[in-house]
Amino acid sequence: MNINRPTLLLNKEQVIPNIRKMAAKATRHDLFFRPHFKTHQSRMIGEWFREEGVTGITVSSVAMAEYFQEAGWQDITIAFPCNIREYEKIDQLAGKCDLKILVVNTEAVQFLKEKLKNRLFFLIEIDNGYHRTGLDTEDQVGIDKILAVIGKCDLIKFKGFLTHAGNSYHAHDLEEIKNIHRNTLDQLHNLKAKYKGAFPDMIISLGDTPCCSLLDDFDGVDEIRPGNFVFYDLMQEQIGSCRMEEIAVALACPVVAKNENRLEIAVYGGAIHLSKEYILDKAGSKQYGRIVQLNDNGWSAPVPKASVISLSQEHGIIKTEKEFFDQILVGDVIGILPVHSCLTADAIGEYLTLEGEKIDHY
């Protein structure tokens, strides 16, 4: 492959098993599988999901919903608090597909109730302890106010409760992930018990890759929405969500300089390609990526004691040992496993398969 700039390589032979494995888990637990497409953001990769029986998807913006609706997806949840300034596009989308949106306040539902011409469903986001957005589980007054605003409106219907246990990404071990998941399930069980009588068709929607990858207790849950699992990354590997060989993307970066005194290699691949997400190694030092050697079958296992230690806008600095340092020449291309594949994929904006095929990206 002729690579002359940062290029995100995609191993389709690993992506497909990642999809298949999560789809099988959803089937095994009688869950509706609504994968979050914000990780890959690709129509073509979306078709790989469709081939595994996926019929409903999650996205993170109205524009992304439009992109996938145009690709033929008809059951879409926008898992981001409703931005009422986009109400016209939301209304247009609701006229074209089965659209579900996320609300966290009465202002949004009141506004939409007055403006919309097409029917849609809404889910109330619950904050499980991640503290990003959403109502506290115990805020029954806030939940009831939202439901009261909707009342008997024919166009806007309550679908259920949705949460994202993003705090699982910061867990240190499996036991901590289990505790986060169990606490989340307990909260959702309580909500279901309170509102199921009035809304017998309501659902509980849960989505995060660590819990969906590692655990098998989904009592009371109706659908799961993991996204990162399609590629995985170093963060997921570190917390145990995946094995290193299940990481399905690597950033190919040209080598532009070497410093023998510091045993550092500079590559064309910086913060605008990898983001500045990092993991900590056993010594507590930041790693912005792990180094792999590219080969005809994709890439090697991570090179021991070789990692990205700093990033500026276009530069990536790799610290290594002399044996590997001496193997690498200026002009070579080496691979970097990303810390957070969602951000890296979004930054690069397209993929190159190991067979040399370009894959689209929203």
Foldseek 3Di string as FASTA:
>chain_A
DDDDFKAKAFAVVLLLVLLLVLLVLCVVQQAQEAAEALQQQFLVVVVSNVVSPHQHYEYADLVSLVVVVVSPRAHYEHPYADDQVCLVSVLVSLVRHAYEYEHAAQVNLLSNLVDHDAAYEYAFEEELPPPDGGHHLPPVVRVVSNVVSCPPRPRYHYAAYEYELPCLLVDQEPVVNVVSVVSSLVSRVVVCVVCCVVPVRHFYEYEEQQCSQPDNDPPRHHHYYYYQSSAPFPSCVRHPSDPQVSRGIWIKWAWADADPVQQKTKTFAFCLQQNPDFDADPVRATFQWFWWAQDLSGTDRGDPAWGFRHGDDGITMIHHDDVVSVVDDHGDIIITTGHRSSSNSVSVQWHAYSVGDITGRD
